[in-house]
Amino acid sequence: MKSKANKIISLSFAAIMVFSSAAISYGTSKDITKANIFYSKTKNYEYAAQKEIQQDGKTYKLKDIKYKLVADKGAETKNVKLENLTEEKAPATKSFEIDGKKVTFTLDKDATKFEKNKKEGTYVYTARDPKSFRADQTRAVKDQNGNTFTGKLESVTKGAIYRKPITIDGEFRGAVGTQYFYFANTGTLWPYNANAPVWNGYQSDILTYLNLDASAYRITGGSWTSSRVSGNTLIRTARFTGTSNVCDYTAKYVDGSDSDGYTANAVYLSPYKVKAIATYEQAGLTTVQKVLIGAGILILAIVIALILYFLKRKKREEEEGA
């Protein structure tokens, strides 16, 4: 009887070890997690995680997803200028690229401002003296459609300074055969040069006489252009060449009394920025199957305990009956 009981116990113990090994083997496989950033329109976060992944030659199935808020709605804003709108209405959503992904932002209606379009036109004032230029306060200009209107000056943009060639005409009079002359009553007597109307310091003399700023104007040369005699007077005309500092000005003229459409300075808000943490378990026995294995081990242990109990009881009854 004892041998039979031992045999039963040994077989039962072996079965328990087999079930335990299987349960431990599957129970000790580690889960893996994958974190991803995504954007959600609402607080009901829902990330489309992969149902199954491969890692180190093993297959893992999605077990659970948890969410963590990274940035609240409106943490990031985008300002967009929308032109040629037919009404005071901007698109409710607009897509922007964030970290290589297209993300849909929503319109902030309170922060978005609309302006009625102004009829606009520009006029370029070319080669003007930077020290004396003044744009006209009103001017006839053409709008973007080529229609002429009279607009009021709104702004002026100054271009880069450059040098423009200039010419200055002059006339010299003196007695026929004269050897010297005075320039513009400067009080200095200069030798008359029959080849060219130049003398020592003629450049500064001309600029001073014409009241021109030497930092903005330069005289670079001179030549006679004609010669005639009237009575005993020699009359010669001259032309001086040089450069002056000038720049172009672009003036904008507007008229808001007769125009169509609107321009919006629209503000768009980012959605919720969320981190999705997906947990994967190794494919094989499911959780239910693992529970069943544990339950089977428990039942087997109870069965063995009952067998031992009845064997012991039977032995006691046999001993009492002897």
C-alpha atoms as a PDB file:
ATOM      1  CA  MET A   1       0.000   0.000   0.000  1.00  0.00           C
ATOM      2  CA  LYS A   2       2.824   2.300   0.908  1.00  0.00           C
ATOM      3  CA  SER A   3       4.518   1.576  -2.443  1.00  0.00           C
ATOM      4  CA  LYS A   4       1.317   2.398  -4.278  1.00  0.00           C
ATOM      5  CA  ALA A   5       0.907   5.650  -2.385  1.00  0.00           C
ATOM      6  CA  ASN A   6       4.488   6.657  -3.080  1.00  0.00           C
ATOM      7  CA  LYS A   7       3.984   5.971  -6.776  1.00  0.00           C
ATOM      8  CA  ILE A   8       0.898   8.163  -6.861  1.00  0.00           C
ATOM      9  CA  ILE A   9       2.683  10.931  -5.026  1.00  0.00           C
ATOM     10  CA  SER A  10       5.698  10.779  -7.384  1.00  0.00           C
ATOM     11  CA  LEU A  11       3.510  10.961 -10.486  1.00  0.00           C
ATOM     12  CA  SER A  12       1.510  13.822  -9.046  1.00  0.00           C
ATOM     13  CA  PHE A  13       4.647  15.711  -8.075  1.00  0.00           C
ATOM     14  CA  ALA A  14       6.050  15.255 -11.593  1.00  0.00           C
ATOM     15  CA  ALA A  15       2.834  16.610 -13.084  1.00  0.00           C
ATOM     16  CA  ILE A  16       2.998  19.602 -10.753  1.00  0.00           C
ATOM     17  CA  MET A  17       6.575  20.309 -11.832  1.00  0.00           C
ATOM     18  CA  VAL A  18       5.621  20.149 -15.516  1.00  0.00           C
ATOM     19  CA  PHE A  19       2.737  22.570 -15.069  1.00  0.00           C
ATOM     20  CA  SER A  20       4.858  24.834 -12.844  1.00  0.00           C
ATOM     21  CA  SER A  21       7.702  24.930 -15.388  1.00  0.00           C
ATOM     22  CA  ALA A  22       5.313  25.912 -18.158  1.00  0.00           C
ATOM     23  CA  ALA A  23       3.702  28.607 -16.054  1.00  0.00           C
ATOM     24  CA  ILE A  24       7.070  30.003 -14.917  1.00  0.00           C
ATOM     25  CA  SER A  25       8.441  29.915 -18.480  1.00  0.00           C
ATOM     26  CA  TYR A  26       5.574  31.979 -19.829  1.00  0.00           C
ATOM     27  CA  GLY A  27       5.259  34.085 -16.738  1.00  0.00           C
ATOM     28  CA  THR A  28       8.889  35.294 -16.794  1.00  0.00           C
ATOM     29  CA  SER A  29       8.854  36.585 -20.433  1.00  0.00           C
ATOM     30  CA  LYS A  30       9.312  40.405 -20.178  1.00  0.00           C
ATOM     31  CA  ASP A  31       6.890  42.865 -21.724  1.00  0.00           C
ATOM     32  CA  ILE A  32       8.314  45.655 -23.948  1.00  0.00           C
ATOM     33  CA  THR A  33       7.109  49.229 -24.357  1.00  0.00           C
ATOM     34  CA  LYS A  34       7.077  51.639 -27.281  1.00  0.00           C
ATOM     35  CA  ALA A  35       6.570  55.401 -26.796  1.00  0.00           C
ATOM     36  CA  ASN A  36       5.279  57.684 -29.554  1.00  0.00           C
ATOM     37  CA  ILE A  37       4.300  61.364 -29.682  1.00  0.00           C
ATOM     38  CA  PHE A  38       1.035  62.212 -31.417  1.00  0.00           C
ATOM     39  CA  TYR A  39      -1.548  65.003 -31.489  1.00  0.00           C
ATOM     40  CA  SER A  40      -5.175  64.780 -30.436  1.00  0.00           C
ATOM     41  CA  LYS A  41      -8.044  67.165 -31.145  1.00  0.00           C
ATOM     42  CA  THR A  42      -9.817  66.207 -27.910  1.00  0.00           C
ATOM     43  CA  LYS A  43      -8.948  64.816 -24.490  1.00  0.00           C
ATOM     44  CA  ASN A  44     -10.272  61.436 -25.590  1.00  0.00           C
ATOM     45  CA  TYR A  45      -6.845  60.268 -26.648  1.00  0.00           C
ATOM     46  CA  GLU A  46      -6.691  57.458 -29.162  1.00  0.00           C
ATOM     47  CA  TYR A  47      -3.450  56.319 -30.754  1.00  0.00           C
ATOM     48  CA  ALA A  48      -3.436  53.749 -33.559  1.00  0.00           C
ATOM     49  CA  ALA A  49      -0.615  51.575 -32.255  1.00  0.00           C
ATOM     50  CA  GLN A  50       0.565  48.481 -34.135  1.00  0.00           C
ATOM     51  CA  LYS A  51      -1.288  45.372 -33.024  1.00  0.00           C
ATOM     52  CA  GLU A  52       1.781  43.203 -33.442  1.00  0.00           C
ATOM     53  CA  ILE A  53       5.533  43.884 -33.621  1.00  0.00           C
ATOM     54  CA  GLN A  54       8.740  41.897 -34.106  1.00  0.00           C
ATOM     55  CA  GLN A  55      11.806  42.240 -31.887  1.00  0.00           C
ATOM     56  CA  ASP A  56      14.870  40.015 -31.536  1.00  0.00           C
ATOM     57  CA  GLY A  57      13.203  37.361 -33.651  1.00  0.00           C
ATOM     58  CA  LYS A  58      10.172  37.239 -31.346  1.00  0.00           C
ATOM     59  CA  THR A  59       6.591  38.273 -31.940  1.00  0.00           C
ATOM     60  CA  TYR A  60       4.894  40.613 -29.482  1.00  0.00           C
ATOM     61  CA  LYS A  61       1.221  41.501 -29.348  1.00  0.00           C
ATOM     62  CA  LEU A  62      -0.312  44.743 -28.093  1.00  0.00           C
ATOM     63  CA  LYS A  63      -1.334  44.402 -24.466  1.00  0.00           C
ATOM     64  CA  ASP A  64      -2.144  47.937 -23.290  1.00  0.00           C
ATOM     65  CA  ILE A  65      -1.766  51.660 -24.137  1.00  0.00           C
ATOM     66  CA  LYS A  66      -1.314  54.433 -21.608  1.00  0.00           C
ATOM     67  CA  TYR A  67      -1.290  58.158 -22.346  1.00  0.00           C
ATOM     68  CA  LYS A  68       0.672  61.083 -20.917  1.00  0.00           C
ATOM     69  CA  LEU A  69      -0.106  64.724 -21.765  1.00  0.00           C
ATOM     70  CA  VAL A  70       3.019  66.488 -23.045  1.00  0.00           C
ATOM     71  CA  ALA A  71       1.569  69.911 -23.971  1.00  0.00           C
ATOM     72  CA  ASP A  72      -1.900  71.361 -23.541  1.00  0.00           C
ATOM     73  CA  LYS A  73      -4.049  72.623 -26.388  1.00  0.00           C
ATOM     74  CA  GLY A  74      -2.843  75.984 -27.679  1.00  0.00           C
ATOM     75  CA  ALA A  75       0.682  75.570 -26.280  1.00  0.00           C
ATOM     76  CA  GLU A  76       1.915  76.471 -29.735  1.00  0.00           C
ATOM     77  CA  THR A  77       0.385  79.103 -32.034  1.00  0.00           C
ATOM     78  CA  LYS A  78       0.765  79.926 -35.709  1.00  0.00           C
ATOM     79  CA  ASN A  79       0.025  83.378 -37.144  1.00  0.00           C
ATOM     80  CA  VAL A  80      -1.118  83.386 -40.757  1.00  0.00           C
ATOM     81  CA  LYS A  81      -2.001  86.298 -43.013  1.00  0.00           C
ATOM     82  CA  LEU A  82      -4.968  85.368 -45.211  1.00  0.00           C
ATOM     83  CA  GLU A  83      -5.630  87.714 -48.108  1.00  0.00           C
ATOM     84  CA  ASN A  84      -8.431  88.239 -50.622  1.00  0.00           C
ATOM     85  CA  LEU A  85     -11.161  86.823 -48.391  1.00  0.00           C
ATOM     86  CA  THR A  86     -14.685  87.492 -49.648  1.00  0.00           C
ATOM     87  CA  GLU A  87     -16.087  87.657 -46.111  1.00  0.00           C
ATOM     88  CA  GLU A  88     -14.951  87.958 -42.502  1.00  0.00           C
ATOM     89  CA  LYS A  89     -14.399  84.228 -42.193  1.00  0.00           C
ATOM     90  CA  ALA A  90     -11.204  82.187 -41.981  1.00  0.00           C
ATOM     91  CA  PRO A  91     -10.746  78.388 -42.402  1.00  0.00           C
ATOM     92  CA  ALA A  92     -11.566  76.553 -39.160  1.00  0.00           C
ATOM     93  CA  THR A  93      -8.446  74.386 -39.408  1.00  0.00           C
ATOM     94  CA  LYS A  94      -5.053  74.588 -41.057  1.00  0.00           C
ATOM     95  CA  SER A  95      -2.247  72.035 -41.324  1.00  0.00           C
ATOM     96  CA  PHE A  96       1.353  72.774 -40.374  1.00  0.00           C
ATOM     97  CA  GLU A  97       4.448  70.604 -40.447  1.00  0.00           C
ATOM     98  CA  ILE A  98       5.796  69.840 -36.979  1.00  0.00           C
ATOM     99  CA  ASP A  99       8.868  67.618 -36.660  1.00  0.00           C
ATOM    100  CA  GLY A 100       8.228  66.179 -40.096  1.00  0.00           C
ATOM    101  CA  LYS A 101       4.542  65.452 -39.405  1.00  0.00           C
ATOM    102  CA  LYS A 102       1.470  67.287 -40.642  1.00  0.00           C
ATOM    103  CA  VAL A 103      -0.486  68.547 -37.641  1.00  0.00           C
ATOM    104  CA  THR A 104      -3.945  70.135 -37.830  1.00  0.00           C
ATOM    105  CA  PHE A 105      -4.295  73.380 -35.854  1.00  0.00           C
ATOM    106  CA  THR A 106      -7.655  74.987 -35.045  1.00  0.00           C
ATOM    107  CA  LEU A 107      -8.615  78.636 -35.528  1.00  0.00           C
ATOM    108  CA  ASP A 108      -8.627  80.911 -32.478  1.00  0.00           C
ATOM    109  CA  LYS A 109     -11.664  83.016 -33.345  1.00  0.00           C
ATOM    110  CA  ASP A 110     -11.129  85.494 -30.521  1.00  0.00           C
ATOM    111  CA  ALA A 111      -7.529  86.261 -31.472  1.00  0.00           C
ATOM    112  CA  THR A 112      -8.156  86.408 -35.234  1.00  0.00           C
ATOM    113  CA  LYS A 113      -8.651  89.934 -36.614  1.00  0.00           C
ATOM    114  CA  PHE A 114     -10.120  91.034 -39.954  1.00  0.00           C
ATOM    115  CA  GLU A 115      -9.468  94.206 -41.928  1.00  0.00           C
ATOM    116  CA  LYS A 116     -11.313  95.501 -44.941  1.00  0.00           C
ATOM    117  CA  ASN A 117      -8.974  95.549 -47.914  1.00  0.00           C
ATOM    118  CA  LYS A 118      -7.544  98.861 -49.040  1.00  0.00           C
ATOM    119  CA  LYS A 119      -7.023  99.745 -52.657  1.00  0.00           C
ATOM    120  CA  GLU A 120      -3.253  99.971 -52.963  1.00  0.00           C
ATOM    121  CA  GLY A 121      -0.770 101.255 -55.505  1.00  0.00           C
ATOM    122  CA  THR A 122       2.899 102.146 -55.548  1.00  0.00           C
ATOM    123  CA  TYR A 123       4.968 104.825 -57.194  1.00  0.00           C
ATOM    124  CA  VAL A 124       8.747 104.739 -57.486  1.00  0.00           C
ATOM    125  CA  TYR A 125      10.583 108.051 -57.196  1.00  0.00           C
ATOM    126  CA  THR A 126      13.880 107.381 -58.988  1.00  0.00           C
ATOM    127  CA  ALA A 127      17.280 108.980 -58.477  1.00  0.00           C
ATOM    128  CA  ARG A 128      16.241 111.422 -55.772  1.00  0.00           C
ATOM    129  CA  ASP A 129      18.527 113.388 -53.476  1.00  0.00           C
ATOM    130  CA  PRO A 130      18.387 111.664 -50.061  1.00  0.00           C
ATOM    131  CA  LYS A 131      18.833 114.976 -48.245  1.00  0.00           C
ATOM    132  CA  SER A 132      15.958 116.799 -49.854  1.00  0.00           C
ATOM    133  CA  PHE A 133      13.479 114.152 -51.008  1.00  0.00           C
ATOM    134  CA  ARG A 134       9.850 114.451 -49.921  1.00  0.00           C
ATOM    135  CA  ALA A 135       7.119 112.167 -51.311  1.00  0.00           C
ATOM    136  CA  ASP A 136       3.809 113.629 -52.481  1.00  0.00           C
ATOM    137  CA  GLN A 137       1.071 113.268 -49.860  1.00  0.00           C
ATOM    138  CA  THR A 138      -1.474 112.359 -52.551  1.00  0.00           C
ATOM    139  CA  ARG A 139      -0.862 110.971 -55.994  1.00  0.00           C
ATOM    140  CA  ALA A 140      -2.590 109.197 -58.875  1.00  0.00           C
ATOM    141  CA  VAL A 141      -1.355 105.586 -58.994  1.00  0.00           C
ATOM    142  CA  LYS A 142      -2.522 102.254 -60.387  1.00  0.00           C
ATOM    143  CA  ASP A 143      -3.849  99.419 -58.242  1.00  0.00           C
ATOM    144  CA  GLN A 144      -3.019  95.715 -58.699  1.00  0.00           C
ATOM    145  CA  ASN A 145      -5.638  95.479 -61.449  1.00  0.00           C
ATOM    146  CA  GLY A 146      -4.198  98.362 -63.437  1.00  0.00           C
ATOM    147  CA  ASN A 147      -6.944 100.828 -62.512  1.00  0.00           C
ATOM    148  CA  THR A 148      -5.900 104.394 -61.719  1.00  0.00           C
ATOM    149  CA  PHE A 149      -7.002 106.009 -58.457  1.00  0.00           C
ATOM    150  CA  THR A 150      -5.887 108.884 -56.271  1.00  0.00           C
ATOM    151  CA  GLY A 151      -4.423 107.577 -53.052  1.00  0.00           C
ATOM    152  CA  LYS A 152      -3.008 108.959 -49.849  1.00  0.00           C
ATOM    153  CA  LEU A 153       0.588 108.314 -48.884  1.00  0.00           C
ATOM    154  CA  GLU A 154       0.843 105.436 -46.408  1.00  0.00           C
ATOM    155  CA  SER A 155       4.527 104.535 -46.357  1.00  0.00           C
ATOM    156  CA  VAL A 156       7.857 105.151 -48.080  1.00  0.00           C
ATOM    157  CA  THR A 157      10.696 102.659 -48.487  1.00  0.00           C
ATOM    158  CA  LYS A 158      14.171 103.992 -49.153  1.00  0.00           C
ATOM    159  CA  GLY A 159      16.470 102.099 -51.504  1.00  0.00           C
ATOM    160  CA  ALA A 160      20.263 101.879 -51.546  1.00  0.00           C
ATOM    161  CA  ILE A 161      22.296 104.982 -52.344  1.00  0.00           C
ATOM    162  CA  TYR A 162      24.061 104.961 -55.700  1.00  0.00           C
ATOM    163  CA  ARG A 163      25.893 107.481 -57.913  1.00  0.00           C
ATOM    164  CA  LYS A 164      24.104 109.082 -60.823  1.00  0.00           C
ATOM    165  CA  PRO A 165      25.989 110.847 -63.644  1.00  0.00           C
ATOM    166  CA  ILE A 166      25.285 114.587 -63.858  1.00  0.00           C
ATOM    167  CA  THR A 167      26.206 117.445 -66.235  1.00  0.00           C
ATOM    168  CA  ILE A 168      26.475 121.160 -65.474  1.00  0.00           C
ATOM    169  CA  ASP A 169      26.496 123.750 -68.243  1.00  0.00           C
ATOM    170  CA  GLY A 170      28.353 127.055 -67.970  1.00  0.00           C
ATOM    171  CA  GLU A 171      29.307 130.100 -70.005  1.00  0.00           C
ATOM    172  CA  PHE A 172      32.486 132.165 -70.057  1.00  0.00           C
ATOM    173  CA  ARG A 173      32.737 135.738 -71.410  1.00  0.00           C
ATOM    174  CA  GLY A 174      35.818 137.847 -71.855  1.00  0.00           C
ATOM    175  CA  ALA A 175      37.682 140.119 -74.214  1.00  0.00           C
ATOM    176  CA  VAL A 176      39.129 138.560 -77.317  1.00  0.00           C
ATOM    177  CA  GLY A 177      42.720 137.513 -76.578  1.00  0.00           C
ATOM    178  CA  THR A 178      42.300 137.549 -72.795  1.00  0.00           C
ATOM    179  CA  GLN A 179      44.856 135.542 -70.788  1.00  0.00           C
ATOM    180  CA  TYR A 180      43.160 135.444 -67.348  1.00  0.00           C
ATOM    181  CA  PHE A 181      39.637 135.337 -65.908  1.00  0.00           C
ATOM    182  CA  TYR A 182      37.679 135.499 -62.680  1.00  0.00           C
ATOM    183  CA  PHE A 183      35.270 132.638 -61.885  1.00  0.00           C
ATOM    184  CA  ALA A 184      31.900 133.820 -60.614  1.00  0.00           C
ATOM    185  CA  ASN A 185      33.406 136.812 -58.932  1.00  0.00           C
ATOM    186  CA  THR A 186      35.416 134.673 -56.539  1.00  0.00           C
ATOM    187  CA  GLY A 187      38.173 137.221 -56.499  1.00  0.00           C
ATOM    188  CA  THR A 188      40.802 134.780 -57.703  1.00  0.00           C
ATOM    189  CA  LEU A 189      42.422 135.314 -61.094  1.00  0.00           C
ATOM    190  CA  TRP A 190      42.962 132.127 -63.126  1.00  0.00           C
ATOM    191  CA  PRO A 191      44.831 131.537 -66.378  1.00  0.00           C
ATOM    192  CA  TYR A 192      42.528 131.081 -69.327  1.00  0.00           C
ATOM    193  CA  ASN A 193      42.815 127.494 -70.739  1.00  0.00           C
ATOM    194  CA  ALA A 194      41.797 127.352 -74.379  1.00  0.00           C
ATOM    195  CA  ASN A 195      41.813 123.493 -74.350  1.00  0.00           C
ATOM    196  CA  ALA A 196      39.420 122.873 -71.440  1.00  0.00           C
ATOM    197  CA  PRO A 197      37.523 124.967 -68.871  1.00  0.00           C
ATOM    198  CA  VAL A 198      39.550 123.685 -65.933  1.00  0.00           C
ATOM    199  CA  TRP A 199      41.868 125.317 -63.409  1.00  0.00           C
ATOM    200  CA  ASN A 200      43.385 124.456 -60.083  1.00  0.00           C
ATOM    201  CA  GLY A 201      40.504 123.676 -57.678  1.00  0.00           C
ATOM    202  CA  TYR A 202      37.783 124.149 -60.295  1.00  0.00           C
ATOM    203  CA  GLN A 203      35.788 121.212 -58.828  1.00  0.00           C
ATOM    204  CA  SER A 204      35.282 122.795 -55.390  1.00  0.00           C
ATOM    205  CA  ASP A 205      34.764 126.256 -56.922  1.00  0.00           C
ATOM    206  CA  ILE A 206      31.853 124.948 -59.023  1.00  0.00           C
ATOM    207  CA  LEU A 207      30.263 123.028 -56.100  1.00  0.00           C
ATOM    208  CA  THR A 208      30.551 126.045 -53.817  1.00  0.00           C
ATOM    209  CA  TYR A 209      29.082 128.390 -56.430  1.00  0.00           C
ATOM    210  CA  LEU A 210      26.112 126.052 -56.982  1.00  0.00           C
ATOM    211  CA  ASN A 211      25.741 125.432 -53.237  1.00  0.00           C
ATOM    212  CA  LEU A 212      26.150 121.660 -53.672  1.00  0.00           C
ATOM    213  CA  ASP A 213      27.289 119.392 -50.846  1.00  0.00           C
ATOM    214  CA  ALA A 214      30.798 118.080 -51.596  1.00  0.00           C
ATOM    215  CA  SER A 215      30.018 114.822 -49.735  1.00  0.00           C
ATOM    216  CA  ALA A 216      27.177 114.056 -52.168  1.00  0.00           C
ATOM    217  CA  TYR A 217      28.431 115.608 -55.427  1.00  0.00           C
ATOM    218  CA  ARG A 218      31.627 115.233 -57.423  1.00  0.00           C
ATOM    219  CA  ILE A 219      32.934 117.138 -60.460  1.00  0.00           C
ATOM    220  CA  THR A 220      35.081 114.840 -62.589  1.00  0.00           C
ATOM    221  CA  GLY A 221      35.822 116.816 -65.776  1.00  0.00           C
ATOM    222  CA  GLY A 222      34.982 119.680 -68.113  1.00  0.00           C
ATOM    223  CA  SER A 223      35.080 120.534 -71.819  1.00  0.00           C
ATOM    224  CA  TRP A 224      34.285 123.446 -74.117  1.00  0.00           C
ATOM    225  CA  THR A 225      31.122 122.896 -76.140  1.00  0.00           C
ATOM    226  CA  SER A 226      30.984 126.038 -78.321  1.00  0.00           C
ATOM    227  CA  SER A 227      32.761 129.317 -79.051  1.00  0.00           C
ATOM    228  CA  ARG A 228      31.722 132.600 -80.713  1.00  0.00           C
ATOM    229  CA  VAL A 229      32.677 136.236 -80.793  1.00  0.00           C
ATOM    230  CA  SER A 230      30.256 139.102 -80.324  1.00  0.00           C
ATOM    231  CA  GLY A 231      31.940 142.437 -81.026  1.00  0.00           C
ATOM    232  CA  ASN A 232      35.113 142.323 -78.959  1.00  0.00           C
ATOM    233  CA  THR A 233      33.706 139.708 -76.561  1.00  0.00           C
ATOM    234  CA  LEU A 234      34.646 136.039 -76.658  1.00  0.00           C
ATOM    235  CA  ILE A 235      31.743 133.809 -75.570  1.00  0.00           C
ATOM    236  CA  ARG A 236      32.440 130.147 -74.853  1.00  0.00           C
ATOM    237  CA  THR A 237      30.037 127.564 -73.425  1.00  0.00           C
ATOM    238  CA  ALA A 238      31.261 124.647 -71.297  1.00  0.00           C
ATOM    239  CA  ARG A 239      29.932 121.407 -69.875  1.00  0.00           C
ATOM    240  CA  PHE A 240      31.140 119.875 -66.639  1.00  0.00           C
ATOM    241  CA  THR A 241      30.558 116.211 -65.804  1.00  0.00           C
ATOM    242  CA  GLY A 242      30.319 114.503 -62.430  1.00  0.00           C
ATOM    243  CA  THR A 243      28.202 112.329 -60.150  1.00  0.00           C
ATOM    244  CA  SER A 244      25.704 112.818 -57.363  1.00  0.00           C
ATOM    245  CA  ASN A 245      24.518 110.515 -54.558  1.00  0.00           C
ATOM    246  CA  VAL A 246      20.917 109.481 -55.183  1.00  0.00           C
ATOM    247  CA  CYS A 247      18.545 106.675 -54.278  1.00  0.00           C
ATOM    248  CA  ASP A 248      15.131 105.374 -55.287  1.00  0.00           C
ATOM    249  CA  TYR A 249      12.078 105.618 -53.057  1.00  0.00           C
ATOM    250  CA  THR A 250       9.058 103.330 -53.293  1.00  0.00           C
ATOM    251  CA  ALA A 251       5.932 105.009 -51.961  1.00  0.00           C
ATOM    252  CA  LYS A 252       2.705 103.166 -51.167  1.00  0.00           C
ATOM    253  CA  TYR A 253      -0.587 104.967 -51.710  1.00  0.00           C
ATOM    254  CA  VAL A 254      -3.903 103.647 -50.429  1.00  0.00           C
ATOM    255  CA  ASP A 255      -7.604 104.322 -50.654  1.00  0.00           C
ATOM    256  CA  GLY A 256      -9.945 102.383 -48.391  1.00  0.00           C
ATOM    257  CA  SER A 257     -13.166 104.023 -49.505  1.00  0.00           C
ATOM    258  CA  ASP A 258     -13.853 101.769 -52.486  1.00  0.00           C
ATOM    259  CA  SER A 259     -12.448  98.250 -52.201  1.00  0.00           C
ATOM    260  CA  ASP A 260     -13.663  94.688 -51.876  1.00  0.00           C
ATOM    261  CA  GLY A 261     -12.654  91.751 -49.720  1.00  0.00           C
ATOM    262  CA  TYR A 262     -10.900  91.282 -46.411  1.00  0.00           C
ATOM    263  CA  THR A 263      -7.506  90.382 -45.011  1.00  0.00           C
ATOM    264  CA  ALA A 264      -7.276  88.271 -41.862  1.00  0.00           C
ATOM    265  CA  ASN A 265      -4.478  88.060 -39.354  1.00  0.00           C
ATOM    266  CA  ALA A 266      -5.474  84.545 -38.314  1.00  0.00           C
ATOM    267  CA  VAL A 267      -4.225  82.739 -35.221  1.00  0.00           C
ATOM    268  CA  TYR A 268      -4.220  78.926 -35.124  1.00  0.00           C
ATOM    269  CA  LEU A 269      -3.808  76.808 -31.975  1.00  0.00           C
ATOM    270  CA  SER A 270      -1.999  73.500 -31.679  1.00  0.00           C
ATOM    271  CA  PRO A 271      -3.956  70.409 -30.517  1.00  0.00           C
ATOM    272  CA  TYR A 272      -3.099  68.332 -27.436  1.00  0.00           C
ATOM    273  CA  LYS A 273       0.401  66.894 -27.632  1.00  0.00           C
ATOM    274  CA  VAL A 274       0.349  63.405 -26.132  1.00  0.00           C
ATOM    275  CA  LYS A 275       2.787  60.582 -25.513  1.00  0.00           C
ATOM    276  CA  ALA A 276       1.360  57.120 -26.152  1.00  0.00           C
ATOM    277  CA  ILE A 277       3.096  54.323 -24.236  1.00  0.00           C
ATOM    278  CA  ALA A 278       2.180  50.967 -25.781  1.00  0.00           C
ATOM    279  CA  THR A 279       2.945  47.762 -23.873  1.00  0.00           C
ATOM    280  CA  TYR A 280       3.512  44.529 -25.781  1.00  0.00           C
ATOM    281  CA  GLU A 281       3.660  40.949 -24.441  1.00  0.00           C
ATOM    282  CA  GLN A 282       5.342  38.023 -26.103  1.00  0.00           C
ATOM    283  CA  ALA A 283       2.956  36.046 -28.280  1.00  0.00           C
ATOM    284  CA  GLY A 284       2.144  32.503 -26.957  1.00  0.00           C
ATOM    285  CA  LEU A 285      -0.158  31.622 -24.100  1.00  0.00           C
ATOM    286  CA  THR A 286      -2.698  34.271 -23.470  1.00  0.00           C
ATOM    287  CA  THR A 287      -3.387  35.655 -20.043  1.00  0.00           C
ATOM    288  CA  VAL A 288      -6.491  33.475 -19.813  1.00  0.00           C
ATOM    289  CA  GLN A 289      -4.456  30.437 -20.688  1.00  0.00           C
ATOM    290  CA  LYS A 290      -1.935  31.287 -18.007  1.00  0.00           C
ATOM    291  CA  VAL A 291      -4.715  31.572 -15.449  1.00  0.00           C
ATOM    292  CA  LEU A 292      -6.051  28.185 -16.515  1.00  0.00           C
ATOM    293  CA  ILE A 293      -2.623  26.618 -16.049  1.00  0.00           C
ATOM    294  CA  GLY A 294      -2.432  28.040 -12.546  1.00  0.00           C
ATOM    295  CA  ALA A 295      -5.930  26.832 -11.822  1.00  0.00           C
ATOM    296  CA  GLY A 296      -5.021  23.351 -13.143  1.00  0.00           C
ATOM    297  CA  ILE A 297      -2.034  23.163 -10.838  1.00  0.00           C
ATOM    298  CA  LEU A 298      -4.194  24.134  -7.885  1.00  0.00           C
ATOM    299  CA  ILE A 299      -6.815  21.523  -8.773  1.00  0.00           C
ATOM    300  CA  LEU A 300      -4.137  18.845  -9.196  1.00  0.00           C
ATOM    301  CA  ALA A 301      -2.708  19.679  -5.802  1.00  0.00           C
ATOM    302  CA  ILE A 302      -6.156  19.366  -4.237  1.00  0.00           C
ATOM    303  CA  VAL A 303      -6.686  15.994  -5.946  1.00  0.00           C
ATOM    304  CA  ILE A 304      -3.366  14.689  -4.605  1.00  0.00           C
ATOM    305  CA  ALA A 305      -4.230  15.887  -1.114  1.00  0.00           C
ATOM    306  CA  LEU A 306      -7.564  14.086  -1.303  1.00  0.00           C
ATOM    307  CA  ILE A 307      -5.916  10.868  -2.520  1.00  0.00           C
ATOM    308  CA  LEU A 308      -3.453  10.966   0.338  1.00  0.00           C
ATOM    309  CA  TYR A 309      -6.235  11.653   2.773  1.00  0.00           C
ATOM    310  CA  PHE A 310      -8.315   8.673   1.615  1.00  0.00           C
ATOM    311  CA  LEU A 311      -5.296   6.351   1.519  1.00  0.00           C
ATOM    312  CA  LYS A 312      -4.420   7.310   5.047  1.00  0.00           C
ATOM    313  CA  ARG A 313      -8.041   6.833   6.178  1.00  0.00           C
ATOM    314  CA  LYS A 314      -8.269   3.432   4.484  1.00  0.00           C
ATOM    315  CA  LYS A 315      -5.065   2.321   6.160  1.00  0.00           C
ATOM    316  CA  ARG A 316      -6.397   3.369   9.541  1.00  0.00           C
ATOM    317  CA  GLU A 317      -9.664   1.507   8.998  1.00  0.00           C
ATOM    318  CA  GLU A 318      -7.745  -1.664   8.003  1.00  0.00           C
ATOM    319  CA  GLU A 319      -5.623  -1.422  11.123  1.00  0.00           C
ATOM    320  CA  GLU A 320      -8.702  -0.986  13.348  1.00  0.00           C
ATOM    321  CA  GLY A 321     -10.448  -3.970  11.693  1.00  0.00           C
ATOM    322  CA  ALA A 322      -7.478  -6.318  12.253  1.00  0.00           C
END
